[in-house]
Amino acid sequence: MNVRKVYTIQSFEQIHNDIYFSLHDSEQVVQIQPTGQVIVDSDNMAFIYIVEEDGAYSYLSFPQTVWAALLQVVEKKRDPFLSPDLALPNFAEELEYLLWNIQDNENYGKEFVEAVGEQFAAIYLD
């Protein structure tokens, strides 16, 4: 059975108006294709961008440590990149949709909903 790979995003940098996310130095991503889908991993307090790799799905996990950058992605409505230059299409739109679904929705778990509410308060206040 093929185990789904999870690549954890460790850091990000802003270059001009774009956000570039980086993986841990030891993680080598082979050839991945973006799917344009974002889902939630509330158990691990993360947002997940689904990618295709070797005919199977892998996950790019965006933990709380990089949520400040995700806020910028949604505010600017600009899709981010995975360093060095892989565009992650549909990311901003999918994430914004999820954030509206998560707001005050206990199905995602109280702790996750509260954390998202705090980090993304600027969006909810608009």
N, C-alpha and C. Protein backbone atom coordinates (compact mmCIF):
# COMPACT_ATOMS: atom_id res chain seq x y z
N MET A 1 0.84 -1.18 0.00
CA MET A 1 0.00 0.00 0.00
C MET A 1 0.88 1.25 0.00
N ASN A 2 0.51 2.21 -0.80
CA ASN A 2 1.28 3.45 -0.91
C ASN A 2 0.89 4.42 0.20
N VAL A 3 1.85 4.80 1.01
CA VAL A 3 1.58 5.73 2.10
C VAL A 3 1.64 7.15 1.54
N ARG A 4 0.65 7.93 1.88
CA ARG A 4 0.59 9.30 1.40
C ARG A 4 1.70 10.12 2.05
N LYS A 5 2.44 10.85 1.23
CA LYS A 5 3.52 11.69 1.75
C LYS A 5 2.98 13.03 2.20
N VAL A 6 3.48 13.48 3.33
CA VAL A 6 3.12 14.81 3.83
C VAL A 6 4.40 15.63 3.93
N TYR A 7 4.43 16.73 3.19
CA TYR A 7 5.57 17.65 3.24
C TYR A 7 5.16 18.84 4.08
N THR A 8 5.90 19.08 5.15
CA THR A 8 5.55 20.19 6.03
C THR A 8 6.27 21.46 5.63
N ILE A 9 5.50 22.51 5.43
CA ILE A 9 6.07 23.81 5.10
C ILE A 9 6.72 24.37 6.35
N GLN A 10 7.99 24.76 6.24
CA GLN A 10 8.73 25.22 7.41
C GLN A 10 8.83 26.74 7.50
N SER A 11 8.89 27.38 6.35
CA SER A 11 9.13 28.82 6.37
C SER A 11 8.58 29.47 5.11
N PHE A 12 8.65 30.78 5.08
CA PHE A 12 8.18 31.51 3.91
C PHE A 12 8.93 32.81 3.81
N GLU A 13 8.94 33.36 2.62
CA GLU A 13 9.48 34.70 2.45
C GLU A 13 8.63 35.43 1.44
N GLN A 14 8.60 36.73 1.58
CA GLN A 14 7.86 37.55 0.64
C GLN A 14 8.85 38.16 -0.33
N ILE A 15 8.59 37.96 -1.61
CA ILE A 15 9.42 38.56 -2.66
C ILE A 15 8.48 39.41 -3.50
N HIS A 16 8.68 40.71 -3.47
CA HIS A 16 7.74 41.65 -4.09
C HIS A 16 6.37 41.42 -3.48
N ASN A 17 5.38 41.10 -4.30
CA ASN A 17 4.03 40.89 -3.77
C ASN A 17 3.69 39.42 -3.58
N ASP A 18 4.66 38.54 -3.79
CA ASP A 18 4.37 37.12 -3.74
C ASP A 18 4.96 36.45 -2.50
N ILE A 19 4.27 35.40 -2.06
CA ILE A 19 4.74 34.60 -0.93
C ILE A 19 5.32 33.30 -1.48
N TYR A 20 6.53 32.99 -1.03
CA TYR A 20 7.20 31.74 -1.40
C TYR A 20 7.36 30.89 -0.14
N PHE A 21 6.76 29.70 -0.17
CA PHE A 21 6.88 28.78 0.96
C PHE A 21 8.03 27.81 0.72
N SER A 22 8.68 27.40 1.80
CA SER A 22 9.80 26.46 1.69
C SER A 22 9.58 25.26 2.60
N LEU A 23 10.06 24.14 2.13
CA LEU A 23 10.03 22.91 2.93
C LEU A 23 11.28 22.85 3.79
N HIS A 24 11.30 21.89 4.68
CA HIS A 24 12.48 21.61 5.48
C HIS A 24 13.61 21.23 4.53
N ASP A 25 14.81 21.64 4.84
CA ASP A 25 15.96 21.41 3.96
C ASP A 25 16.13 19.95 3.55
N SER A 26 15.81 19.04 4.45
CA SER A 26 16.06 17.62 4.16
C SER A 26 14.99 17.00 3.26
N GLU A 27 13.88 17.70 3.06
CA GLU A 27 12.80 17.14 2.26
C GLU A 27 13.00 17.46 0.78
N GLN A 28 13.12 16.43 0.00
CA GLN A 28 13.26 16.60 -1.44
C GLN A 28 11.93 16.24 -2.10
N VAL A 29 11.32 17.21 -2.74
CA VAL A 29 10.09 16.93 -3.46
C VAL A 29 10.48 16.57 -4.88
N VAL A 30 9.97 15.44 -5.34
CA VAL A 30 10.27 15.00 -6.70
C VAL A 30 9.44 15.87 -7.65
N GLN A 31 8.80 15.29 -8.58
CA GLN A 31 7.94 16.04 -9.50
C GLN A 31 6.53 16.07 -8.92
N ILE A 32 6.06 17.25 -8.55
CA ILE A 32 4.69 17.33 -8.05
C ILE A 32 3.88 18.26 -8.94
N GLN A 33 2.62 17.92 -9.06
CA GLN A 33 1.67 18.71 -9.83
C GLN A 33 0.61 19.25 -8.89
N PRO A 34 0.39 20.56 -8.89
CA PRO A 34 -0.66 21.12 -8.04
C PRO A 34 -2.04 20.64 -8.48
N THR A 35 -2.94 20.45 -7.52
CA THR A 35 -4.31 20.05 -7.86
C THR A 35 -5.29 21.22 -7.71
N GLY A 36 -4.86 22.30 -7.05
CA GLY A 36 -5.76 23.42 -6.85
C GLY A 36 -6.74 23.20 -5.71
N GLN A 37 -6.47 22.21 -4.87
CA GLN A 37 -7.38 21.91 -3.77
C GLN A 37 -6.72 22.14 -2.42
N VAL A 38 -7.46 22.80 -1.51
CA VAL A 38 -7.00 23.00 -0.14
C VAL A 38 -8.01 22.34 0.79
N ILE A 39 -7.50 21.57 1.75
CA ILE A 39 -8.36 20.93 2.74
C ILE A 39 -7.81 21.26 4.14
N VAL A 40 -8.50 20.76 5.14
CA VAL A 40 -8.14 21.06 6.53
C VAL A 40 -7.66 19.80 7.23
N ASP A 41 -6.61 19.93 8.03
CA ASP A 41 -6.17 18.87 8.94
C ASP A 41 -6.28 19.44 10.34
N SER A 42 -7.51 19.41 10.87
CA SER A 42 -7.73 20.08 12.16
C SER A 42 -7.03 19.36 13.32
N ASP A 43 -6.80 18.05 13.18
CA ASP A 43 -6.09 17.32 14.25
C ASP A 43 -4.67 17.84 14.41
N ASN A 44 -4.05 18.19 13.30
CA ASN A 44 -2.67 18.69 13.34
C ASN A 44 -2.59 20.20 13.17
N MET A 45 -3.75 20.86 13.29
CA MET A 45 -3.81 22.32 13.21
C MET A 45 -3.09 22.83 11.96
N ALA A 46 -3.53 22.33 10.80
CA ALA A 46 -2.86 22.70 9.56
C ALA A 46 -3.85 22.79 8.40
N PHE A 47 -3.46 23.57 7.41
CA PHE A 47 -4.16 23.57 6.13
C PHE A 47 -3.31 22.73 5.18
N ILE A 48 -3.97 22.02 4.28
CA ILE A 48 -3.29 21.08 3.39
C ILE A 48 -3.56 21.47 1.94
N TYR A 49 -2.50 21.57 1.15
CA TYR A 49 -2.66 21.75 -0.29
C TYR A 49 -2.33 20.42 -0.92
N ILE A 50 -3.25 19.91 -1.73
CA ILE A 50 -3.08 18.58 -2.32
C ILE A 50 -2.27 18.69 -3.62
N VAL A 51 -1.28 17.83 -3.75
CA VAL A 51 -0.49 17.76 -4.98
C VAL A 51 -0.45 16.32 -5.47
N GLU A 52 -0.19 16.16 -6.74
CA GLU A 52 -0.06 14.83 -7.31
C GLU A 52 1.42 14.53 -7.47
N GLU A 53 1.80 13.33 -7.09
CA GLU A 53 3.21 12.94 -7.15
C GLU A 53 3.27 11.46 -7.50
N ASP A 54 3.91 11.13 -8.60
CA ASP A 54 4.03 9.73 -9.03
C ASP A 54 2.68 9.03 -9.09
N GLY A 55 1.67 9.70 -9.60
CA GLY A 55 0.36 9.08 -9.75
C GLY A 55 -0.44 8.93 -8.48
N ALA A 56 0.06 9.45 -7.37
CA ALA A 56 -0.67 9.40 -6.10
C ALA A 56 -0.75 10.82 -5.54
N TYR A 57 -1.58 11.00 -4.55
CA TYR A 57 -1.70 12.32 -3.93
C TYR A 57 -0.76 12.46 -2.75
N SER A 58 -0.11 13.61 -2.68
CA SER A 58 0.71 13.96 -1.52
C SER A 58 0.17 15.27 -0.97
N TYR A 59 0.58 15.59 0.24
CA TYR A 59 0.08 16.77 0.91
C TYR A 59 1.20 17.76 1.21
N LEU A 60 0.93 19.04 0.97
CA LEU A 60 1.78 20.10 1.49
C LEU A 60 1.05 20.63 2.72
N SER A 61 1.66 20.46 3.87
CA SER A 61 1.01 20.84 5.12
C SER A 61 1.49 22.22 5.58
N PHE A 62 0.54 23.10 5.87
CA PHE A 62 0.83 24.47 6.31
C PHE A 62 0.43 24.60 7.77
N PRO A 63 1.38 24.38 8.70
CA PRO A 63 1.08 24.45 10.12
C PRO A 63 0.91 25.90 10.59
N GLN A 64 0.49 26.03 11.84
CA GLN A 64 0.24 27.36 12.42
C GLN A 64 1.42 28.31 12.30
N THR A 65 2.62 27.77 12.27
CA THR A 65 3.81 28.62 12.22
C THR A 65 3.88 29.46 10.96
N VAL A 66 3.14 29.08 9.91
CA VAL A 66 3.15 29.86 8.67
C VAL A 66 1.79 30.50 8.35
N TRP A 67 0.87 30.46 9.31
CA TRP A 67 -0.46 31.02 9.06
C TRP A 67 -0.42 32.52 8.80
N ALA A 68 0.55 33.22 9.34
CA ALA A 68 0.65 34.66 9.08
C ALA A 68 0.80 34.91 7.58
N ALA A 69 1.55 34.04 6.91
CA ALA A 69 1.72 34.16 5.46
C ALA A 69 0.42 33.79 4.74
N LEU A 70 -0.31 32.81 5.27
CA LEU A 70 -1.58 32.44 4.65
C LEU A 70 -2.57 33.60 4.72
N LEU A 71 -2.52 34.33 5.82
CA LEU A 71 -3.38 35.52 5.95
C LEU A 71 -3.09 36.50 4.82
N GLN A 72 -1.81 36.72 4.54
CA GLN A 72 -1.42 37.63 3.45
C GLN A 72 -1.92 37.11 2.09
N VAL A 73 -1.82 35.81 1.90
CA VAL A 73 -2.26 35.19 0.65
C VAL A 73 -3.74 35.51 0.41
N VAL A 74 -4.55 35.35 1.46
CA VAL A 74 -5.99 35.58 1.33
C VAL A 74 -6.29 37.08 1.19
N GLU A 75 -5.61 37.89 1.98
CA GLU A 75 -5.86 39.33 1.91
C GLU A 75 -5.51 39.91 0.54
N LYS A 76 -4.41 39.42 -0.02
CA LYS A 76 -3.97 39.95 -1.32
C LYS A 76 -4.61 39.21 -2.49
N LYS A 77 -5.30 38.09 -2.17
CA LYS A 77 -5.90 37.26 -3.22
C LYS A 77 -4.87 36.88 -4.29
N ARG A 78 -3.68 36.53 -3.83
CA ARG A 78 -2.60 36.11 -4.74
C ARG A 78 -2.15 34.72 -4.34
N ASP A 79 -2.16 33.80 -5.31
CA ASP A 79 -1.73 32.43 -5.02
C ASP A 79 -0.23 32.42 -4.71
N PRO A 80 0.17 31.63 -3.72
CA PRO A 80 1.58 31.55 -3.35
C PRO A 80 2.36 30.59 -4.24
N PHE A 81 3.63 30.46 -3.94
CA PHE A 81 4.53 29.56 -4.65
C PHE A 81 5.20 28.63 -3.65
N LEU A 82 5.60 27.46 -4.14
CA LEU A 82 6.48 26.59 -3.38
C LEU A 82 7.86 26.83 -3.96
N SER A 83 8.80 27.24 -3.14
CA SER A 83 10.15 27.55 -3.64
C SER A 83 10.74 26.34 -4.36
N PRO A 84 11.46 26.59 -5.43
CA PRO A 84 11.85 27.90 -5.93
C PRO A 84 10.80 28.57 -6.80
N ASP A 85 9.97 27.82 -7.56
CA ASP A 85 9.10 28.53 -8.51
C ASP A 85 7.85 27.75 -8.92
N LEU A 86 7.35 26.88 -8.04
CA LEU A 86 6.13 26.14 -8.37
C LEU A 86 4.91 26.93 -7.90
N ALA A 87 4.11 27.39 -8.85
CA ALA A 87 2.88 28.11 -8.50
C ALA A 87 1.88 27.13 -7.90
N LEU A 88 1.12 27.60 -6.92
CA LEU A 88 0.07 26.80 -6.30
C LEU A 88 -1.28 27.42 -6.65
N PRO A 89 -1.78 27.11 -7.85
CA PRO A 89 -2.99 27.76 -8.32
C PRO A 89 -4.21 27.46 -7.47
N ASN A 90 -5.12 28.44 -7.43
CA ASN A 90 -6.40 28.30 -6.75
C ASN A 90 -6.28 28.31 -5.23
N PHE A 91 -5.07 28.49 -4.72
CA PHE A 91 -4.82 28.41 -3.27
C PHE A 91 -5.60 29.48 -2.51
N ALA A 92 -5.47 30.74 -2.94
CA ALA A 92 -6.09 31.85 -2.21
C ALA A 92 -7.61 31.69 -2.15
N GLU A 93 -8.19 31.35 -3.28
CA GLU A 93 -9.65 31.21 -3.36
C GLU A 93 -10.14 30.05 -2.49
N GLU A 94 -9.47 28.91 -2.59
CA GLU A 94 -9.86 27.74 -1.80
C GLU A 94 -9.71 28.00 -0.31
N LEU A 95 -8.61 28.65 0.06
CA LEU A 95 -8.37 28.92 1.48
C LEU A 95 -9.41 29.89 2.01
N GLU A 96 -9.72 30.92 1.24
CA GLU A 96 -10.72 31.88 1.69
C GLU A 96 -12.07 31.20 1.90
N TYR A 97 -12.44 30.34 0.97
CA TYR A 97 -13.69 29.58 1.08
C TYR A 97 -13.69 28.75 2.36
N LEU A 98 -12.59 28.05 2.62
CA LEU A 98 -12.48 27.23 3.83
C LEU A 98 -12.59 28.08 5.09
N LEU A 99 -11.92 29.23 5.09
CA LEU A 99 -11.94 30.08 6.27
C LEU A 99 -13.36 30.51 6.62
N TRP A 100 -14.14 30.82 5.62
CA TRP A 100 -15.54 31.21 5.87
C TRP A 100 -16.33 30.02 6.40
N ASN A 101 -16.02 28.81 5.93
CA ASN A 101 -16.71 27.61 6.43
C ASN A 101 -16.32 27.28 7.86
N ILE A 102 -15.08 27.55 8.20
CA ILE A 102 -14.55 27.19 9.52
C ILE A 102 -15.10 28.12 10.60
N GLN A 103 -15.32 29.39 10.24
CA GLN A 103 -15.75 30.38 11.23
C GLN A 103 -16.97 29.88 12.01
N ASP A 104 -16.81 29.79 13.34
CA ASP A 104 -17.89 29.38 14.25
C ASP A 104 -18.47 28.01 13.92
N ASN A 105 -17.71 27.14 13.27
CA ASN A 105 -18.20 25.82 12.90
C ASN A 105 -17.51 24.77 13.74
N GLU A 106 -18.20 24.29 14.77
CA GLU A 106 -17.62 23.35 15.73
C GLU A 106 -17.25 22.00 15.10
N ASN A 107 -17.73 21.72 13.89
CA ASN A 107 -17.38 20.46 13.24
C ASN A 107 -15.88 20.33 13.03
N TYR A 108 -15.18 21.45 12.97
CA TYR A 108 -13.73 21.42 12.76
C TYR A 108 -12.96 21.25 14.08
N GLY A 109 -13.68 21.21 15.18
CA GLY A 109 -13.03 21.09 16.48
C GLY A 109 -12.81 22.46 17.09
N LYS A 110 -13.18 22.58 18.35
CA LYS A 110 -13.16 23.88 19.04
C LYS A 110 -11.78 24.55 18.98
N GLU A 111 -10.74 23.77 19.26
CA GLU A 111 -9.39 24.31 19.32
C GLU A 111 -8.96 24.89 17.97
N PHE A 112 -9.25 24.14 16.91
CA PHE A 112 -8.88 24.59 15.56
C PHE A 112 -9.66 25.85 15.18
N VAL A 113 -10.96 25.85 15.43
CA VAL A 113 -11.82 26.99 15.10
C VAL A 113 -11.33 28.25 15.83
N GLU A 114 -10.97 28.09 17.10
CA GLU A 114 -10.48 29.24 17.87
C GLU A 114 -9.15 29.75 17.32
N ALA A 115 -8.25 28.84 17.00
CA ALA A 115 -6.94 29.23 16.48
C ALA A 115 -7.09 29.95 15.14
N VAL A 116 -7.94 29.43 14.28
CA VAL A 116 -8.18 30.06 12.99
C VAL A 116 -8.81 31.43 13.20
N GLY A 117 -9.77 31.51 14.12
CA GLY A 117 -10.43 32.79 14.41
C GLY A 117 -9.45 33.85 14.85
N GLU A 118 -8.49 33.45 15.68
CA GLU A 118 -7.48 34.41 16.16
C GLU A 118 -6.56 34.84 15.03
N GLN A 119 -6.01 33.89 14.30
CA GLN A 119 -5.03 34.19 13.27
C GLN A 119 -5.62 34.96 12.10
N PHE A 120 -6.86 34.64 11.75
CA PHE A 120 -7.47 35.23 10.56
C PHE A 120 -8.54 36.26 10.90
N ALA A 121 -8.47 36.82 12.10
CA ALA A 121 -9.48 37.79 12.56
C ALA A 121 -9.64 38.95 11.58
N ALA A 122 -8.55 39.38 10.98
CA ALA A 122 -8.60 40.52 10.06
C ALA A 122 -9.56 40.27 8.90
N ILE A 123 -9.61 39.02 8.45
CA ILE A 123 -10.50 38.66 7.34
C ILE A 123 -11.95 38.66 7.82
N TYR A 124 -12.17 38.09 8.99
CA TYR A 124 -13.53 37.97 9.51
C TYR A 124 -14.14 39.33 9.84
N LEU A 125 -13.30 40.31 10.13
CA LEU A 125 -13.79 41.64 10.48
C LEU A 125 -14.17 42.46 9.26
N ASP A 126 -13.71 42.03 8.09
CA ASP A 126 -14.02 42.80 6.87
C ASP A 126 -15.52 42.85 6.59
